[in-house]
PDB file of N, CA and C in Angstrom:
ATOM      1  N   MET A   1       0.826  -1.194   0.000  1.00  0.00           N
ATOM      2  CA  MET A   1       0.000   0.000   0.000  1.00  0.00           C
ATOM      3  C   MET A   1       0.870   1.259   0.000  1.00  0.00           C
ATOM      4  N   ARG A   2       1.995   1.193   0.661  1.00  0.00           N
ATOM      5  CA  ARG A   2       2.877   2.363   0.725  1.00  0.00           C
ATOM      6  C   ARG A   2       3.459   2.687  -0.647  1.00  0.00           C
ATOM      7  N   SER A   3       3.740   1.652  -1.437  1.00  0.00           N
ATOM      8  CA  SER A   3       4.291   1.899  -2.773  1.00  0.00           C
ATOM      9  C   SER A   3       3.242   2.553  -3.679  1.00  0.00           C
ATOM     10  N   ARG A   4       1.979   2.212  -3.489  1.00  0.00           N
ATOM     11  CA  ARG A   4       0.918   2.831  -4.285  1.00  0.00           C
ATOM     12  C   ARG A   4       0.830   4.328  -3.989  1.00  0.00           C
ATOM     13  N   LYS A   5       0.950   4.693  -2.720  1.00  0.00           N
ATOM     14  CA  LYS A   5       0.917   6.113  -2.354  1.00  0.00           C
ATOM     15  C   LYS A   5       2.079   6.862  -2.990  1.00  0.00           C
ATOM     16  N   THR A   6       3.235   6.236  -2.997  1.00  0.00           N
ATOM     17  CA  THR A   6       4.407   6.872  -3.590  1.00  0.00           C
ATOM     18  C   THR A   6       4.228   7.055  -5.089  1.00  0.00           C
ATOM     19  N   VAL A   7       3.716   6.029  -5.756  1.00  0.00           N
ATOM     20  CA  VAL A   7       3.507   6.100  -7.206  1.00  0.00           C
ATOM     21  C   VAL A   7       2.458   7.158  -7.549  1.00  0.00           C
ATOM     22  N   VAL A   8       1.398   7.231  -6.764  1.00  0.00           N
ATOM     23  CA  VAL A   8       0.354   8.237  -6.998  1.00  0.00           C
ATOM     24  C   VAL A   8       0.935   9.637  -6.841  1.00  0.00           C
ATOM     25  N   GLY A   9       1.745   9.849  -5.834  1.00  0.00           N
ATOM     26  CA  GLY A   9       2.360  11.161  -5.626  1.00  0.00           C
ATOM     27  C   GLY A   9       3.309  11.545  -6.749  1.00  0.00           C
ATOM     28  N   ILE A  10       4.127  10.584  -7.193  1.00  0.00           N
ATOM     29  CA  ILE A  10       5.071  10.858  -8.271  1.00  0.00           C
ATOM     30  C   ILE A  10       4.339  11.162  -9.565  1.00  0.00           C
ATOM     31  N   PHE A  11       3.334  10.352  -9.904  1.00  0.00           N
ATOM     32  CA  PHE A  11       2.592  10.590 -11.138  1.00  0.00           C
ATOM     33  C   PHE A  11       1.781  11.884 -11.080  1.00  0.00           C
ATOM     34  N   GLY A  12       1.270  12.228  -9.919  1.00  0.00           N
ATOM     35  CA  GLY A  12       0.551  13.484  -9.774  1.00  0.00           C
ATOM     36  C   GLY A  12       1.445  14.691 -10.012  1.00  0.00           C
ATOM     37  N   MET A  13       2.648  14.651  -9.425  1.00  0.00           N
ATOM     38  CA  MET A  13       3.594  15.757  -9.627  1.00  0.00           C
ATOM     39  C   MET A  13       4.072  15.818 -11.077  1.00  0.00           C
ATOM     40  N   LEU A  14       4.360  14.668 -11.654  1.00  0.00           N
ATOM     41  CA  LEU A  14       4.831  14.621 -13.037  1.00  0.00           C
ATOM     42  C   LEU A  14       3.767  15.113 -14.007  1.00  0.00           C
ATOM     43  N   GLN A  15       2.534  14.674 -13.796  1.00  0.00           N
ATOM     44  CA  GLN A  15       1.450  15.078 -14.685  1.00  0.00           C
ATOM     45  C   GLN A  15       1.161  16.574 -14.544  1.00  0.00           C
ATOM     46  N   SER A  16       1.212  17.087 -13.345  1.00  0.00           N
ATOM     47  CA  SER A  16       0.991  18.522 -13.147  1.00  0.00           C
ATOM     48  C   SER A  16       2.105  19.339 -13.785  1.00  0.00           C
ATOM     49  N   PHE A  17       3.345  18.878 -13.662  1.00  0.00           N
ATOM     50  CA  PHE A  17       4.470  19.570 -14.268  1.00  0.00           C
ATOM     51  C   PHE A  17       4.358  19.595 -15.789  1.00  0.00           C
ATOM     52  N   ILE A  18       4.009  18.464 -16.387  1.00  0.00           N
ATOM     53  CA  ILE A  18       3.856  18.395 -17.843  1.00  0.00           C
ATOM     54  C   ILE A  18       2.711  19.291 -18.302  1.00  0.00           C
ATOM     55  N   ALA A  19       1.617  19.315 -17.549  1.00  0.00           N
ATOM     56  CA  ALA A  19       0.479  20.165 -17.910  1.00  0.00           C
ATOM     57  C   ALA A  19       0.841  21.644 -17.835  1.00  0.00           C
ATOM     58  N   LEU A  20       1.541  22.040 -16.795  1.00  0.00           N
ATOM     59  CA  LEU A  20       1.948  23.446 -16.685  1.00  0.00           C
ATOM     60  C   LEU A  20       2.922  23.823 -17.798  1.00  0.00           C
ATOM     61  N   THR A  21       3.814  22.906 -18.152  1.00  0.00           N
ATOM     62  CA  THR A  21       4.734  23.151 -19.259  1.00  0.00           C
ATOM     63  C   THR A  21       3.971  23.317 -20.573  1.00  0.00           C
ATOM     64  N   LEU A  22       2.958  22.500 -20.792  1.00  0.00           N
ATOM     65  CA  LEU A  22       2.157  22.603 -22.007  1.00  0.00           C
ATOM     66  C   LEU A  22       1.375  23.910 -22.050  1.00  0.00           C
ATOM     67  N   ILE A  23       0.840  24.339 -20.923  1.00  0.00           N
ATOM     68  CA  ILE A  23       0.107  25.602 -20.882  1.00  0.00           C
ATOM     69  C   ILE A  23       1.047  26.778 -21.147  1.00  0.00           C
ATOM     70  N   ILE A  24       2.241  26.734 -20.576  1.00  0.00           N
ATOM     71  CA  ILE A  24       3.227  27.789 -20.839  1.00  0.00           C
ATOM     72  C   ILE A  24       3.641  27.789 -22.300  1.00  0.00           C
ATOM     73  N   PHE A  25       3.836  26.598 -22.879  1.00  0.00           N
ATOM     74  CA  PHE A  25       4.181  26.512 -24.296  1.00  0.00           C
ATOM     75  C   PHE A  25       3.059  27.081 -25.169  1.00  0.00           C
ATOM     76  N   THR A  26       1.811  26.851 -24.785  1.00  0.00           N
ATOM     77  CA  THR A  26       0.683  27.394 -25.539  1.00  0.00           C
ATOM     78  C   THR A  26       0.699  28.916 -25.509  1.00  0.00           C
ATOM     79  N   CYS A  27       1.014  29.501 -24.355  1.00  0.00           N
ATOM     80  CA  CYS A  27       1.113  30.965 -24.270  1.00  0.00           C
ATOM     81  C   CYS A  27       2.259  31.482 -25.126  1.00  0.00           C
ATOM     82  N   ILE A  28       3.387  30.788 -25.105  1.00  0.00           N
ATOM     83  CA  ILE A  28       4.521  31.187 -25.941  1.00  0.00           C
ATOM     84  C   ILE A  28       4.158  31.088 -27.413  1.00  0.00           C
ATOM     85  N   LEU A  29       3.406  30.056 -27.774  1.00  0.00           N
ATOM     86  CA  LEU A  29       2.985  29.887 -29.166  1.00  0.00           C
ATOM     87  C   LEU A  29       2.010  30.978 -29.584  1.00  0.00           C
ATOM     88  N   TYR A  30       1.078  31.324 -28.711  1.00  0.00           N
ATOM     89  CA  TYR A  30       0.084  32.334 -29.051  1.00  0.00           C
ATOM     90  C   TYR A  30       0.717  33.710 -29.226  1.00  0.00           C
ATOM     91  N   PHE A  31       1.572  34.107 -28.294  1.00  0.00           N
ATOM     92  CA  PHE A  31       2.186  35.429 -28.359  1.00  0.00           C
ATOM     93  C   PHE A  31       3.421  35.455 -29.257  1.00  0.00           C
ATOM     94  N   ASN A  32       3.788  34.320 -29.790  1.00  0.00           N
ATOM     95  CA  ASN A  32       4.884  34.150 -30.742  1.00  0.00           C
ATOM     96  C   ASN A  32       6.219  34.652 -30.174  1.00  0.00           C
ATOM     97  N   PHE A  33       6.457  34.317 -28.905  1.00  0.00           N
ATOM     98  CA  PHE A  33       7.766  34.607 -28.322  1.00  0.00           C
ATOM     99  C   PHE A  33       8.805  33.730 -29.002  1.00  0.00           C
ATOM    100  N   PHE A  34       9.976  34.239 -29.152  1.00  0.00           N
ATOM    101  CA  PHE A  34      11.111  33.513 -29.727  1.00  0.00           C
ATOM    102  C   PHE A  34      10.842  33.042 -31.162  1.00  0.00           C
ATOM    103  N   ASP A  35       9.859  33.631 -31.826  1.00  0.00           N
ATOM    104  CA  ASP A  35       9.512  33.304 -33.212  1.00  0.00           C
ATOM    105  C   ASP A  35       9.195  31.813 -33.390  1.00  0.00           C
ATOM    106  N   VAL A  36       8.420  31.290 -32.457  1.00  0.00           N
ATOM    107  CA  VAL A  36       8.104  29.860 -32.422  1.00  0.00           C
ATOM    108  C   VAL A  36       7.225  29.440 -33.595  1.00  0.00           C
ATOM    109  N   GLN A  37       6.280  30.286 -33.974  1.00  0.00           N
ATOM    110  CA  GLN A  37       5.379  29.918 -35.078  1.00  0.00           C
ATOM    111  C   GLN A  37       6.140  29.703 -36.371  1.00  0.00           C
ATOM    112  N   THR A  38       7.124  30.521 -36.631  1.00  0.00           N
ATOM    113  CA  THR A  38       7.936  30.363 -37.831  1.00  0.00           C
ATOM    114  C   THR A  38       8.831  29.135 -37.721  1.00  0.00           C
ATOM    115  N   PHE A  39       9.393  28.917 -36.541  1.00  0.00           N
ATOM    116  CA  PHE A  39      10.283  27.774 -36.331  1.00  0.00           C
ATOM    117  C   PHE A  39       9.541  26.453 -36.518  1.00  0.00           C
ATOM    118  N   LEU A  40       8.295  26.382 -36.029  1.00  0.00           N
ATOM    119  CA  LEU A  40       7.500  25.159 -36.163  1.00  0.00           C
ATOM    120  C   LEU A  40       6.718  25.097 -37.469  1.00  0.00           C
ATOM    121  N   ASN A  41       6.807  26.163 -38.264  1.00  0.00           N
ATOM    122  CA  ASN A  41       6.137  26.234 -39.564  1.00  0.00           C
ATOM    123  C   ASN A  41       4.625  26.016 -39.418  1.00  0.00           C
ATOM    124  N   ILE A  42       4.006  26.767 -38.527  1.00  0.00           N
ATOM    125  CA  ILE A  42       2.578  26.645 -38.259  1.00  0.00           C
ATOM    126  C   ILE A  42       1.828  27.665 -39.110  1.00  0.00           C
ATOM    127  N   ALA A  43       0.865  27.173 -39.859  1.00  0.00           N
ATOM    128  CA  ALA A  43       0.024  28.058 -40.666  1.00  0.00           C
ATOM    129  C   ALA A  43      -0.908  28.836 -39.742  1.00  0.00           C
ATOM    130  N   THR A  44      -1.092  30.103 -40.030  1.00  0.00           N
ATOM    131  CA  THR A  44      -1.925  30.930 -39.162  1.00  0.00           C
ATOM    132  C   THR A  44      -3.392  30.511 -39.197  1.00  0.00           C
ATOM    133  N   SER A  45      -3.821  29.848 -40.272  1.00  0.00           N
ATOM    134  CA  SER A  45      -5.212  29.412 -40.340  1.00  0.00           C
ATOM    135  C   SER A  45      -5.488  28.266 -39.356  1.00  0.00           C
ATOM    136  N   TYR A  46      -4.477  27.499 -38.984  1.00  0.00           N
ATOM    137  CA  TYR A  46      -4.658  26.388 -38.043  1.00  0.00           C
ATOM    138  C   TYR A  46      -4.196  26.729 -36.628  1.00  0.00           C
ATOM    139  N   LEU A  47      -3.714  27.930 -36.424  1.00  0.00           N
ATOM    140  CA  LEU A  47      -3.148  28.299 -35.131  1.00  0.00           C
ATOM    141  C   LEU A  47      -4.165  28.174 -34.003  1.00  0.00           C
ATOM    142  N   TYR A  48      -5.380  28.664 -34.208  1.00  0.00           N
ATOM    143  CA  TYR A  48      -6.373  28.620 -33.145  1.00  0.00           C
ATOM    144  C   TYR A  48      -6.831  27.200 -32.852  1.00  0.00           C
ATOM    145  N   LEU A  49      -6.809  26.325 -33.835  1.00  0.00           N
ATOM    146  CA  LEU A  49      -7.115  24.919 -33.589  1.00  0.00           C
ATOM    147  C   LEU A  49      -6.051  24.301 -32.693  1.00  0.00           C
ATOM    148  N   TYR A  50      -4.786  24.547 -33.000  1.00  0.00           N
ATOM    149  CA  TYR A  50      -3.691  24.030 -32.184  1.00  0.00           C
ATOM    150  C   TYR A  50      -3.757  24.585 -30.765  1.00  0.00           C
ATOM    151  N   LEU A  51      -4.042  25.870 -30.650  1.00  0.00           N
ATOM    152  CA  LEU A  51      -4.132  26.483 -29.332  1.00  0.00           C
ATOM    153  C   LEU A  51      -5.266  25.888 -28.514  1.00  0.00           C
ATOM    154  N   THR A  52      -6.411  25.677 -29.138  1.00  0.00           N
ATOM    155  CA  THR A  52      -7.559  25.117 -28.437  1.00  0.00           C
ATOM    156  C   THR A  52      -7.274  23.702 -27.953  1.00  0.00           C
ATOM    157  N   VAL A  53      -6.680  22.900 -28.810  1.00  0.00           N
ATOM    158  CA  VAL A  53      -6.385  21.516 -28.437  1.00  0.00           C
ATOM    159  C   VAL A  53      -5.350  21.464 -27.323  1.00  0.00           C
ATOM    160  N   THR A  54      -4.276  22.231 -27.443  1.00  0.00           N
ATOM    161  CA  THR A  54      -3.231  22.164 -26.420  1.00  0.00           C
ATOM    162  C   THR A  54      -3.680  22.746 -25.088  1.00  0.00           C
ATOM    163  N   ILE A  55      -4.458  23.820 -25.109  1.00  0.00           N
ATOM    164  CA  ILE A  55      -4.904  24.399 -23.841  1.00  0.00           C
ATOM    165  C   ILE A  55      -5.939  23.491 -23.174  1.00  0.00           C
ATOM    166  N   ALA A  56      -6.804  22.853 -23.951  1.00  0.00           N
ATOM    167  CA  ALA A  56      -7.782  21.927 -23.379  1.00  0.00           C
ATOM    168  C   ALA A  56      -7.071  20.715 -22.770  1.00  0.00           C
ATOM    169  N   TYR A  57      -6.124  20.157 -23.510  1.00  0.00           N
ATOM    170  CA  TYR A  57      -5.377  19.009 -22.989  1.00  0.00           C
ATOM    171  C   TYR A  57      -4.571  19.404 -21.759  1.00  0.00           C
ATOM    172  N   GLY A  58      -4.005  20.585 -21.760  1.00  0.00           N
ATOM    173  CA  GLY A  58      -3.229  21.050 -20.616  1.00  0.00           C
ATOM    174  C   GLY A  58      -4.070  21.202 -19.362  1.00  0.00           C
ATOM    175  N   PHE A  59      -5.244  21.812 -19.492  1.00  0.00           N
ATOM    176  CA  PHE A  59      -6.091  22.005 -18.318  1.00  0.00           C
ATOM    177  C   PHE A  59      -6.670  20.693 -17.809  1.00  0.00           C
ATOM    178  N   ILE A  60      -7.067  19.804 -18.700  1.00  0.00           N
ATOM    179  CA  ILE A  60      -7.582  18.504 -18.268  1.00  0.00           C
ATOM    180  C   ILE A  60      -6.486  17.714 -17.564  1.00  0.00           C
ATOM    181  N   SER A  61      -5.291  17.753 -18.101  1.00  0.00           N
ATOM    182  CA  SER A  61      -4.174  17.059 -17.490  1.00  0.00           C
ATOM    183  C   SER A  61      -3.812  17.688 -16.141  1.00  0.00           C
ATOM    184  N   LEU A  62      -3.877  18.996 -16.046  1.00  0.00           N
ATOM    185  CA  LEU A  62      -3.582  19.680 -14.789  1.00  0.00           C
ATOM    186  C   LEU A  62      -4.600  19.312 -13.712  1.00  0.00           C
ATOM    187  N   ILE A  63      -5.858  19.280 -14.065  1.00  0.00           N
ATOM    188  CA  ILE A  63      -6.901  18.911 -13.106  1.00  0.00           C
ATOM    189  C   ILE A  63      -6.700  17.475 -12.637  1.00  0.00           C
ATOM    190  N   SER A  64      -6.388  16.583 -13.553  1.00  0.00           N
ATOM    191  CA  SER A  64      -6.150  15.193 -13.192  1.00  0.00           C
ATOM    192  C   SER A  64      -4.939  15.066 -12.265  1.00  0.00           C
ATOM    193  N   GLY A  65      -3.870  15.794 -12.563  1.00  0.00           N
ATOM    194  CA  GLY A  65      -2.687  15.758 -11.711  1.00  0.00           C
ATOM    195  C   GLY A  65      -2.965  16.301 -10.322  1.00  0.00           C
ATOM    196  N   VAL A  66      -3.759  17.344 -10.232  1.00  0.00           N
ATOM    197  CA  VAL A  66      -4.103  17.917  -8.925  1.00  0.00           C
ATOM    198  C   VAL A  66      -4.947  16.929  -8.124  1.00  0.00           C
ATOM    199  N   PHE A  67      -5.866  16.232  -8.775  1.00  0.00           N
ATOM    200  CA  PHE A  67      -6.660  15.219  -8.067  1.00  0.00           C
ATOM    201  C   PHE A  67      -5.780  14.076  -7.568  1.00  0.00           C
ATOM    202  N   LEU A  68      -4.785  13.678  -8.363  1.00  0.00           N
ATOM    203  CA  LEU A  68      -3.853  12.653  -7.891  1.00  0.00           C
ATOM    204  C   LEU A  68      -3.064  13.143  -6.684  1.00  0.00           C
ATOM    205  N   LEU A  69      -2.640  14.392  -6.722  1.00  0.00           N
ATOM    206  CA  LEU A  69      -1.917  14.944  -5.577  1.00  0.00           C
ATOM    207  C   LEU A  69      -2.808  15.053  -4.340  1.00  0.00           C
ATOM    208  N   LEU A  70      -4.070  15.402  -4.525  1.00  0.00           N
ATOM    209  CA  LEU A  70      -4.997  15.455  -3.384  1.00  0.00           C
ATOM    210  C   LEU A  70      -5.215  14.066  -2.792  1.00  0.00           C
ATOM    211  N   GLU A  71      -5.316  13.059  -3.642  1.00  0.00           N
ATOM    212  CA  GLU A  71      -5.459  11.680  -3.160  1.00  0.00           C
ATOM    213  C   GLU A  71      -4.222  11.267  -2.376  1.00  0.00           C
ATOM    214  N   TRP A  72      -3.046  11.616  -2.896  1.00  0.00           N
ATOM    215  CA  TRP A  72      -1.809  11.301  -2.192  1.00  0.00           C
ATOM    216  C   TRP A  72      -1.742  12.003  -0.849  1.00  0.00           C
ATOM    217  N   TRP A  73      -2.173  13.278  -0.824  1.00  0.00           N
ATOM    218  CA  TRP A  73      -2.128  14.062   0.402  1.00  0.00           C
ATOM    219  C   TRP A  73      -3.073  13.493   1.468  1.00  0.00           C
ATOM    220  N   GLU A  74      -4.254  13.029   1.048  1.00  0.00           N
ATOM    221  CA  GLU A  74      -5.228  12.487   2.001  1.00  0.00           C
ATOM    222  C   GLU A  74      -4.749  11.163   2.592  1.00  0.00           C
ATOM    223  N   LYS A  75      -4.042  10.375   1.824  1.00  0.00           N
ATOM    224  CA  LYS A  75      -3.594   9.066   2.312  1.00  0.00           C
ATOM    225  C   LYS A  75      -2.306   9.144   3.118  1.00  0.00           C
ATOM    226  N   ARG A  76      -1.718  10.319   3.193  1.00  0.00           N
ATOM    227  CA  ARG A  76      -0.507  10.499   3.980  1.00  0.00           C
ATOM    228  C   ARG A  76      -0.726  10.437   5.415  1.00  0.00           C
TER     229      ARG A  76
END
């Protein structure tokens, strides 16, 4: 049982970190910092589709990671 708590905590932190990184990357992509749109060769007609998908996936992943961390915290 103790190993399950450890795994839940690690996956919760990892998933939250990846989600926050994805959300930050989406902001960088939207505001075109560091000329990312040109570097990735993203057409402006598809930009809002990419932004919508990445921000939705980021927030869903962040919520899931936070729930895993809350479960880990309660079982501590």
